[in-house]
C-alpha atoms as a PDB file:
ATOM      1  CA  UNK A   1      50.172  15.924  31.566  1.00  0.00           C
ATOM      2  CA  UNK A   2      47.908  12.974  30.833  1.00  0.00           C
ATOM      3  CA  UNK A   3      44.550  12.841  32.591  1.00  0.00           C
ATOM      4  CA  UNK A   4      44.255   9.157  31.718  1.00  0.00           C
ATOM      5  CA  UNK A   5      47.238   8.578  34.021  1.00  0.00           C
ATOM      6  CA  UNK A   6      45.179  10.005  36.892  1.00  0.00           C
ATOM      7  CA  UNK A   7      42.135   7.917  36.033  1.00  0.00           C
ATOM      8  CA  UNK A   8      44.184   4.715  35.835  1.00  0.00           C
ATOM      9  CA  UNK A   9      45.474   5.495  39.319  1.00  0.00           C
ATOM     10  CA  UNK A  10      41.972   5.747  40.768  1.00  0.00           C
ATOM     11  CA  UNK A  11      41.564   9.545  40.731  1.00  0.00           C
ATOM     12  CA  UNK A  12      37.984  10.736  40.269  1.00  0.00           C
ATOM     13  CA  UNK A  13      38.855  13.448  37.753  1.00  0.00           C
ATOM     14  CA  UNK A  14      35.240  13.942  36.652  1.00  0.00           C
ATOM     15  CA  UNK A  15      34.189  14.915  40.167  1.00  0.00           C
ATOM     16  CA  UNK A  16      37.199  17.201  40.587  1.00  0.00           C
ATOM     17  CA  UNK A  17      36.535  18.964  37.294  1.00  0.00           C
ATOM     18  CA  UNK A  18      32.934  19.622  38.373  1.00  0.00           C
ATOM     19  CA  UNK A  19      34.453  21.811  41.091  1.00  0.00           C
ATOM     20  CA  UNK A  20      37.339  23.432  39.247  1.00  0.00           C
ATOM     21  CA  UNK A  21      35.618  23.899  35.906  1.00  0.00           C
ATOM     22  CA  UNK A  22      38.647  23.431  33.663  1.00  0.00           C
ATOM     23  CA  UNK A  23      41.994  21.647  33.454  1.00  0.00           C
ATOM     24  CA  UNK A  24      44.084  24.772  33.925  1.00  0.00           C
ATOM     25  CA  UNK A  25      42.677  25.422  37.392  1.00  0.00           C
ATOM     26  CA  UNK A  26      42.850  21.695  38.214  1.00  0.00           C
ATOM     27  CA  UNK A  27      46.525  21.555  37.268  1.00  0.00           C
ATOM     28  CA  UNK A  28      47.329  24.651  39.309  1.00  0.00           C
ATOM     29  CA  UNK A  29      45.635  23.033  42.285  1.00  0.00           C
ATOM     30  CA  UNK A  30      47.968  20.038  42.062  1.00  0.00           C
ATOM     31  CA  UNK A  31      50.841  22.503  42.444  1.00  0.00           C
ATOM     32  CA  UNK A  32      49.111  24.057  45.454  1.00  0.00           C
ATOM     33  CA  UNK A  33      48.884  20.612  47.013  1.00  0.00           C
ATOM     34  CA  UNK A  34      52.622  20.031  46.665  1.00  0.00           C
ATOM     35  CA  UNK A  35      53.255  23.486  48.096  1.00  0.00           C
ATOM     36  CA  UNK A  36      51.593  22.617  51.389  1.00  0.00           C
ATOM     37  CA  UNK A  37      51.664  18.860  51.931  1.00  0.00           C
ATOM     38  CA  UNK A  38      55.098  18.492  53.566  1.00  0.00           C
ATOM     39  CA  UNK A  39      54.252  21.068  56.208  1.00  0.00           C
ATOM     40  CA  UNK A  40      50.907  19.383  56.862  1.00  0.00           C
ATOM     41  CA  UNK A  41      52.587  15.988  57.274  1.00  0.00           C
ATOM     42  CA  UNK A  42      55.113  17.487  59.698  1.00  0.00           C
ATOM     43  CA  UNK A  43      52.325  19.151  61.691  1.00  0.00           C
ATOM     44  CA  UNK A  44      50.361  15.903  61.796  1.00  0.00           C
ATOM     45  CA  UNK A  45      53.373  13.950  63.072  1.00  0.00           C
ATOM     46  CA  UNK A  46      54.176  16.586  65.684  1.00  0.00           C
ATOM     47  CA  UNK A  47      50.593  16.517  66.956  1.00  0.00           C
ATOM     48  CA  UNK A  48      50.726  12.700  67.184  1.00  0.00           C
ATOM     49  CA  UNK A  49      54.089  12.696  68.957  1.00  0.00           C
ATOM     50  CA  UNK A  50      52.795  15.271  71.453  1.00  0.00           C
ATOM     51  CA  UNK A  51      49.504  13.369  71.904  1.00  0.00           C
ATOM     52  CA  UNK A  52      47.655  16.556  70.916  1.00  0.00           C
ATOM     53  CA  UNK A  53      44.664  14.821  69.411  1.00  0.00           C
ATOM     54  CA  UNK A  54      42.607  17.957  68.777  1.00  0.00           C
ATOM     55  CA  UNK A  55      45.413  19.385  66.624  1.00  0.00           C
ATOM     56  CA  UNK A  56      45.873  15.968  65.010  1.00  0.00           C
ATOM     57  CA  UNK A  57      42.216  16.039  63.939  1.00  0.00           C
ATOM     58  CA  UNK A  58      42.650  19.508  62.403  1.00  0.00           C
ATOM     59  CA  UNK A  59      45.624  18.467  60.251  1.00  0.00           C
ATOM     60  CA  UNK A  60      44.028  15.159  59.239  1.00  0.00           C
ATOM     61  CA  UNK A  61      40.957  17.179  58.250  1.00  0.00           C
ATOM     62  CA  UNK A  62      43.098  19.513  56.126  1.00  0.00           C
ATOM     63  CA  UNK A  63      44.725  16.642  54.206  1.00  0.00           C
ATOM     64  CA  UNK A  64      41.308  15.028  53.783  1.00  0.00           C
ATOM     65  CA  UNK A  65      40.009  18.238  52.259  1.00  0.00           C
ATOM     66  CA  UNK A  66      42.928  18.347  49.798  1.00  0.00           C
ATOM     67  CA  UNK A  67      42.324  14.742  48.784  1.00  0.00           C
ATOM     68  CA  UNK A  68      38.631  15.404  48.163  1.00  0.00           C
ATOM     69  CA  UNK A  69      39.343  18.416  45.982  1.00  0.00           C
ATOM     70  CA  UNK A  70      41.892  16.530  43.901  1.00  0.00           C
ATOM     71  CA  UNK A  71      39.642  13.488  43.436  1.00  0.00           C
ATOM     72  CA  UNK A  72      41.468  10.993  45.699  1.00  0.00           C
ATOM     73  CA  UNK A  73      38.277   9.768  47.340  1.00  0.00           C
ATOM     74  CA  UNK A  74      39.755   6.580  48.800  1.00  0.00           C
ATOM     75  CA  UNK A  75      42.569   8.486  50.496  1.00  0.00           C
ATOM     76  CA  UNK A  76      40.107  11.099  51.739  1.00  0.00           C
ATOM     77  CA  UNK A  77      38.203   8.289  53.462  1.00  0.00           C
ATOM     78  CA  UNK A  78      41.365   7.147  55.268  1.00  0.00           C
ATOM     79  CA  UNK A  79      42.041  10.726  56.385  1.00  0.00           C
ATOM     80  CA  UNK A  80      38.457  11.049  57.605  1.00  0.00           C
ATOM     81  CA  UNK A  81      38.958   8.011  59.858  1.00  0.00           C
ATOM     82  CA  UNK A  82      41.989   9.700  61.398  1.00  0.00           C
ATOM     83  CA  UNK A  83      40.190  13.014  61.756  1.00  0.00           C
ATOM     84  CA  UNK A  84      37.370  11.326  63.674  1.00  0.00           C
ATOM     85  CA  UNK A  85      39.844   9.340  65.766  1.00  0.00           C
ATOM     86  CA  UNK A  86      41.553  12.585  66.746  1.00  0.00           C
ATOM     87  CA  UNK A  87      38.247  14.139  67.767  1.00  0.00           C
ATOM     88  CA  UNK A  88      37.466  11.065  69.841  1.00  0.00           C
ATOM     89  CA  UNK A  89      40.984  10.979  71.382  1.00  0.00           C
ATOM     90  CA  UNK A  90      41.347   7.452  70.017  1.00  0.00           C
ATOM     91  CA  UNK A  91      45.086   7.126  70.481  1.00  0.00           C
ATOM     92  CA  UNK A  92      45.051   3.355  69.931  1.00  0.00           C
ATOM     93  CA  UNK A  93      43.580   3.626  66.431  1.00  0.00           C
ATOM     94  CA  UNK A  94      45.822   6.536  65.437  1.00  0.00           C
ATOM     95  CA  UNK A  95      49.040   4.843  66.478  1.00  0.00           C
ATOM     96  CA  UNK A  96      47.986   1.517  64.970  1.00  0.00           C
ATOM     97  CA  UNK A  97      46.886   3.014  61.612  1.00  0.00           C
ATOM     98  CA  UNK A  98      49.221   6.018  61.351  1.00  0.00           C
ATOM     99  CA  UNK A  99      51.615   4.384  58.878  1.00  0.00           C
ATOM    100  CA  UNK A 100      48.663   3.325  56.717  1.00  0.00           C
ATOM    101  CA  UNK A 101      47.591   6.951  56.453  1.00  0.00           C
ATOM    102  CA  UNK A 102      51.139   8.150  55.742  1.00  0.00           C
ATOM    103  CA  UNK A 103      51.534   5.503  53.045  1.00  0.00           C
ATOM    104  CA  UNK A 104      48.274   6.671  51.466  1.00  0.00           C
ATOM    105  CA  UNK A 105      49.372  10.320  51.514  1.00  0.00           C
ATOM    106  CA  UNK A 106      52.760   9.392  50.029  1.00  0.00           C
ATOM    107  CA  UNK A 107      50.955   7.471  47.289  1.00  0.00           C
ATOM    108  CA  UNK A 108      48.806  10.508  46.519  1.00  0.00           C
ATOM    109  CA  UNK A 109      51.860  12.789  46.473  1.00  0.00           C
ATOM    110  CA  UNK A 110      53.736  10.425  44.169  1.00  0.00           C
ATOM    111  CA  UNK A 111      50.835  10.327  41.700  1.00  0.00           C
ATOM    112  CA  UNK A 112      50.596  14.123  41.725  1.00  0.00           C
ATOM    113  CA  UNK A 113      54.316  14.540  41.052  1.00  0.00           C
ATOM    114  CA  UNK A 114      54.329  11.975  38.269  1.00  0.00           C
ATOM    115  CA  UNK A 115      51.280  13.575  36.656  1.00  0.00           C
ATOM    116  CA  UNK A 116      52.781  17.068  36.755  1.00  0.00           C
ATOM    117  CA  UNK A 117      56.006  15.746  35.281  1.00  0.00           C
ATOM    118  CA  UNK A 118      54.047  14.596  32.244  1.00  0.00           C
ATOM    119  CA  UNK A 119      54.039  10.876  32.918  1.00  0.00           C
ATOM    120  CA  UNK A 120      51.841   9.007  30.486  1.00  0.00           C
ATOM    121  CA  UNK A 121      49.274   6.405  31.426  1.00  0.00           C
ATOM    122  CA  UNK A 122      50.968   3.039  31.740  1.00  0.00           C
ATOM    123  CA  UNK A 123      54.454   4.513  32.302  1.00  0.00           C
ATOM    124  CA  UNK A 124      55.607   3.697  35.814  1.00  0.00           C
ATOM    125  CA  UNK A 125      59.007   5.383  35.710  1.00  0.00           C
ATOM    126  CA  UNK A 126      59.440   8.067  38.361  1.00  0.00           C
ATOM    127  CA  UNK A 127      60.843  11.450  37.394  1.00  0.00           C
ATOM    128  CA  UNK A 128      62.162  14.261  39.544  1.00  0.00           C
ATOM    129  CA  UNK A 129      59.699  16.983  40.303  1.00  0.00           C
ATOM    130  CA  UNK A 130      60.847  20.291  38.835  1.00  0.00           C
ATOM    131  CA  UNK A 131      57.843  22.422  39.699  1.00  0.00           C
ATOM    132  CA  UNK A 132      58.730  26.034  40.195  1.00  0.00           C
ATOM    133  CA  UNK A 133      56.973  27.450  43.243  1.00  0.00           C
ATOM    134  CA  UNK A 134      55.082  30.676  42.720  1.00  0.00           C
ATOM    135  CA  UNK A 135      53.568  33.022  45.207  1.00  0.00           C
ATOM    136  CA  UNK A 136      49.787  32.756  45.122  1.00  0.00           C
ATOM    137  CA  UNK A 137      48.933  35.338  47.760  1.00  0.00           C
ATOM    138  CA  UNK A 138      47.777  38.696  46.490  1.00  0.00           C
ATOM    139  CA  UNK A 139      49.871  41.529  47.887  1.00  0.00           C
ATOM    140  CA  UNK A 140      48.060  44.646  48.966  1.00  0.00           C
ATOM    141  CA  UNK A 141      50.114  47.835  48.489  1.00  0.00           C
ATOM    142  CA  UNK A 142      49.173  50.803  50.606  1.00  0.00           C
ATOM    143  CA  UNK A 143      49.153  53.513  47.962  1.00  0.00           C
ATOM    144  CA  UNK A 144      46.724  55.802  49.783  1.00  0.00           C
ATOM    145  CA  UNK A 145      44.935  56.245  53.093  1.00  0.00           C
ATOM    146  CA  UNK A 146      41.651  55.096  51.569  1.00  0.00           C
ATOM    147  CA  UNK A 147      40.461  51.709  52.772  1.00  0.00           C
ATOM    148  CA  UNK A 148      40.661  48.968  50.158  1.00  0.00           C
ATOM    149  CA  UNK A 149      37.578  46.831  49.459  1.00  0.00           C
ATOM    150  CA  UNK A 150      38.667  43.238  50.016  1.00  0.00           C
ATOM    151  CA  UNK A 151      37.417  39.704  50.531  1.00  0.00           C
ATOM    152  CA  UNK A 152      39.263  37.706  53.186  1.00  0.00           C
ATOM    153  CA  UNK A 153      39.624  33.936  52.875  1.00  0.00           C
ATOM    154  CA  UNK A 154      40.766  32.401  56.170  1.00  0.00           C
ATOM    155  CA  UNK A 155      41.873  28.818  55.574  1.00  0.00           C
ATOM    156  CA  UNK A 156      45.115  26.961  56.306  1.00  0.00           C
ATOM    157  CA  UNK A 157      44.939  24.964  53.061  1.00  0.00           C
ATOM    158  CA  UNK A 158      46.691  26.478  50.011  1.00  0.00           C
ATOM    159  CA  UNK A 159      44.352  24.441  47.810  1.00  0.00           C
ATOM    160  CA  UNK A 160      41.245  26.122  49.210  1.00  0.00           C
ATOM    161  CA  UNK A 161      42.622  29.652  49.546  1.00  0.00           C
ATOM    162  CA  UNK A 162      44.279  29.659  46.111  1.00  0.00           C
ATOM    163  CA  UNK A 163      41.209  28.158  44.449  1.00  0.00           C
ATOM    164  CA  UNK A 164      39.076  30.887  46.017  1.00  0.00           C
ATOM    165  CA  UNK A 165      41.565  33.586  44.948  1.00  0.00           C
ATOM    166  CA  UNK A 166      41.547  32.349  41.352  1.00  0.00           C
ATOM    167  CA  UNK A 167      37.768  31.979  41.265  1.00  0.00           C
ATOM    168  CA  UNK A 168      37.284  35.546  42.501  1.00  0.00           C
ATOM    169  CA  UNK A 169      40.040  37.061  40.355  1.00  0.00           C
ATOM    170  CA  UNK A 170      38.688  40.009  38.402  1.00  0.00           C
ATOM    171  CA  UNK A 171      35.637  40.223  40.650  1.00  0.00           C
ATOM    172  CA  UNK A 172      37.100  41.036  44.059  1.00  0.00           C
ATOM    173  CA  UNK A 173      40.478  41.664  45.662  1.00  0.00           C
ATOM    174  CA  UNK A 174      41.338  38.759  47.947  1.00  0.00           C
ATOM    175  CA  UNK A 175      43.504  38.544  51.064  1.00  0.00           C
ATOM    176  CA  UNK A 176      44.402  35.144  52.514  1.00  0.00           C
ATOM    177  CA  UNK A 177      44.834  34.396  56.229  1.00  0.00           C
ATOM    178  CA  UNK A 178      46.362  31.035  57.182  1.00  0.00           C
ATOM    179  CA  UNK A 179      44.935  30.889  60.705  1.00  0.00           C
ATOM    180  CA  UNK A 180      42.734  32.801  63.112  1.00  0.00           C
ATOM    181  CA  UNK A 181      45.579  34.738  64.677  1.00  0.00           C
ATOM    182  CA  UNK A 182      46.697  36.125  61.310  1.00  0.00           C
ATOM    183  CA  UNK A 183      43.072  36.916  60.469  1.00  0.00           C
ATOM    184  CA  UNK A 184      42.512  38.896  63.665  1.00  0.00           C
ATOM    185  CA  UNK A 185      45.683  40.885  62.989  1.00  0.00           C
ATOM    186  CA  UNK A 186      44.375  41.751  59.504  1.00  0.00           C
ATOM    187  CA  UNK A 187      41.024  42.851  60.931  1.00  0.00           C
ATOM    188  CA  UNK A 188      42.694  44.965  63.621  1.00  0.00           C
ATOM    189  CA  UNK A 189      45.048  46.641  61.152  1.00  0.00           C
ATOM    190  CA  UNK A 190      42.153  48.886  60.067  1.00  0.00           C
ATOM    191  CA  UNK A 191      43.604  48.993  56.550  1.00  0.00           C
ATOM    192  CA  UNK A 192      40.755  47.343  54.687  1.00  0.00           C
ATOM    193  CA  UNK A 193      37.043  47.614  54.095  1.00  0.00           C
ATOM    194  CA  UNK A 194      36.164  43.944  54.521  1.00  0.00           C
ATOM    195  CA  UNK A 195      33.272  43.214  52.167  1.00  0.00           C
ATOM    196  CA  UNK A 196      33.051  39.563  53.244  1.00  0.00           C
ATOM    197  CA  UNK A 197      34.979  37.004  55.285  1.00  0.00           C
ATOM    198  CA  UNK A 198      35.069  33.313  54.376  1.00  0.00           C
ATOM    199  CA  UNK A 199      36.083  31.579  57.597  1.00  0.00           C
ATOM    200  CA  UNK A 200      37.245  27.982  57.943  1.00  0.00           C
ATOM    201  CA  UNK A 201      36.317  26.409  61.265  1.00  0.00           C
ATOM    202  CA  UNK A 202      39.227  23.944  61.442  1.00  0.00           C
ATOM    203  CA  UNK A 203      42.461  25.927  61.590  1.00  0.00           C
ATOM    204  CA  UNK A 204      45.549  25.484  63.783  1.00  0.00           C
ATOM    205  CA  UNK A 205      46.567  27.927  66.542  1.00  0.00           C
ATOM    206  CA  UNK A 206      43.370  29.992  66.605  1.00  0.00           C
ATOM    207  CA  UNK A 207      40.373  28.187  65.110  1.00  0.00           C
ATOM    208  CA  UNK A 208      37.233  29.440  63.452  1.00  0.00           C
ATOM    209  CA  UNK A 209      34.977  29.313  66.498  1.00  0.00           C
ATOM    210  CA  UNK A 210      37.546  31.311  68.478  1.00  0.00           C
ATOM    211  CA  UNK A 211      37.451  33.946  65.728  1.00  0.00           C
ATOM    212  CA  UNK A 212      33.654  34.003  65.895  1.00  0.00           C
ATOM    213  CA  UNK A 213      33.869  34.551  69.657  1.00  0.00           C
ATOM    214  CA  UNK A 214      36.327  37.381  69.100  1.00  0.00           C
ATOM    215  CA  UNK A 215      34.044  39.056  66.536  1.00  0.00           C
ATOM    216  CA  UNK A 216      31.079  38.647  68.877  1.00  0.00           C
ATOM    217  CA  UNK A 217      32.868  40.090  71.918  1.00  0.00           C
ATOM    218  CA  UNK A 218      34.387  42.969  69.955  1.00  0.00           C
ATOM    219  CA  UNK A 219      31.075  43.760  68.235  1.00  0.00           C
ATOM    220  CA  UNK A 220      32.774  43.480  64.845  1.00  0.00           C
ATOM    221  CA  UNK A 221      30.047  41.604  62.961  1.00  0.00           C
ATOM    222  CA  UNK A 222      28.633  44.885  61.647  1.00  0.00           C
ATOM    223  CA  UNK A 223      32.018  45.594  60.000  1.00  0.00           C
ATOM    224  CA  UNK A 224      32.917  42.035  58.997  1.00  0.00           C
ATOM    225  CA  UNK A 225      30.101  39.982  57.395  1.00  0.00           C
ATOM    226  CA  UNK A 226      31.003  36.300  57.812  1.00  0.00           C
ATOM    227  CA  UNK A 227      30.200  33.061  56.031  1.00  0.00           C
ATOM    228  CA  UNK A 228      31.672  29.727  57.043  1.00  0.00           C
ATOM    229  CA  UNK A 229      33.619  27.350  54.799  1.00  0.00           C
ATOM    230  CA  UNK A 230      34.102  23.917  56.287  1.00  0.00           C
ATOM    231  CA  UNK A 231      34.736  20.284  55.479  1.00  0.00           C
ATOM    232  CA  UNK A 232      32.294  19.220  58.175  1.00  0.00           C
ATOM    233  CA  UNK A 233      28.585  18.954  57.507  1.00  0.00           C
ATOM    234  CA  UNK A 234      27.330  17.580  60.824  1.00  0.00           C
ATOM    235  CA  UNK A 235      24.073  19.032  62.092  1.00  0.00           C
ATOM    236  CA  UNK A 236      25.635  19.868  65.461  1.00  0.00           C
ATOM    237  CA  UNK A 237      28.452  21.855  63.836  1.00  0.00           C
ATOM    238  CA  UNK A 238      26.079  23.756  61.554  1.00  0.00           C
ATOM    239  CA  UNK A 239      23.733  24.493  64.467  1.00  0.00           C
ATOM    240  CA  UNK A 240      26.646  25.776  66.559  1.00  0.00           C
ATOM    241  CA  UNK A 241      27.883  27.964  63.681  1.00  0.00           C
ATOM    242  CA  UNK A 242      24.461  29.569  63.302  1.00  0.00           C
ATOM    243  CA  UNK A 243      24.393  30.534  66.982  1.00  0.00           C
ATOM    244  CA  UNK A 244      26.777  33.261  65.802  1.00  0.00           C
ATOM    245  CA  UNK A 245      25.893  36.119  63.468  1.00  0.00           C
ATOM    246  CA  UNK A 246      26.933  34.394  60.241  1.00  0.00           C
ATOM    247  CA  UNK A 247      25.349  34.527  56.799  1.00  0.00           C
ATOM    248  CA  UNK A 248      25.890  31.087  55.265  1.00  0.00           C
ATOM    249  CA  UNK A 249      27.739  27.771  55.628  1.00  0.00           C
ATOM    250  CA  UNK A 250      29.550  26.513  52.513  1.00  0.00           C
ATOM    251  CA  UNK A 251      30.647  22.880  52.751  1.00  0.00           C
ATOM    252  CA  UNK A 252      33.893  21.755  51.083  1.00  0.00           C
ATOM    253  CA  UNK A 253      34.559  20.791  48.422  1.00  0.00           C
ATOM    254  CA  UNK A 254      32.659  23.618  46.745  1.00  0.00           C
ATOM    255  CA  UNK A 255      32.550  24.848  43.154  1.00  0.00           C
ATOM    256  CA  UNK A 256      33.355  28.287  41.763  1.00  0.00           C
ATOM    257  CA  UNK A 257      29.649  28.993  41.248  1.00  0.00           C
ATOM    258  CA  UNK A 258      28.847  28.045  44.857  1.00  0.00           C
ATOM    259  CA  UNK A 259      31.676  30.252  46.100  1.00  0.00           C
ATOM    260  CA  UNK A 260      30.544  33.309  44.141  1.00  0.00           C
ATOM    261  CA  UNK A 261      26.931  32.770  45.225  1.00  0.00           C
ATOM    262  CA  UNK A 262      27.909  32.760  48.904  1.00  0.00           C
ATOM    263  CA  UNK A 263      30.250  35.737  48.514  1.00  0.00           C
ATOM    264  CA  UNK A 264      27.493  37.795  46.860  1.00  0.00           C
ATOM    265  CA  UNK A 265      25.016  36.751  49.542  1.00  0.00           C
ATOM    266  CA  UNK A 266      27.459  37.658  52.307  1.00  0.00           C
ATOM    267  CA  UNK A 267      28.265  41.069  50.834  1.00  0.00           C
ATOM    268  CA  UNK A 268      24.593  41.962  50.346  1.00  0.00           C
ATOM    269  CA  UNK A 269      23.326  40.475  53.614  1.00  0.00           C
ATOM    270  CA  UNK A 270      23.319  43.714  55.588  1.00  0.00           C
ATOM    271  CA  UNK A 271      22.189  45.970  52.748  1.00  0.00           C
END
């Protein structure tokens, strides 16, 4: 793996490494990206074909977040345009520019594959990607009736959830939920003592605000301290989030130090 190859292809590796801290975590995150990108592209296309612009915005947002983490700032900007178009129900722009976005995502994916295959800077020959997929989720085995102390990360992006799991490894036990429906099932299982919940607002199926409504109506905030993780930093969104009983808002992309700070704050908020 040659970081100069990334730099020569316009990747802001310095900014990415500020978040990840070291090359090992950065390289693992490239693998996480490949793990999830095909499903995200399929979801994006399905939302476009069904003219479901709210869902389209969610999946464009997710790819944008991946691009920002990896250092593909130009591609993140293209994804942001599509995210905003989805929120504005701008079908004309989406259909006109859709192939431009797909070409940009394919370019990003190609660079990632070539980098992971060890391509050197200046070598433009493509190689087959032989990455072995590995399970990143932490399995919780029920070895007793005692509740396990856990942190829950609810985010549909493998990049974000796996980064958080690695950053918290050795400090806390982490469970990942891919959407709000899965998260609510985990909460209702009554198997875990939830020390803190990191909740993404933009998730498919059941989104973050729907989860917040559920926690409010079920009076679960006292059992589940919540902080928000989001790729949006608009004042309206932050104001709306703080109308619920949350502790903090952590804007993506965030660093390991920022993550641990918010986790500690969330855990100790009610003490």
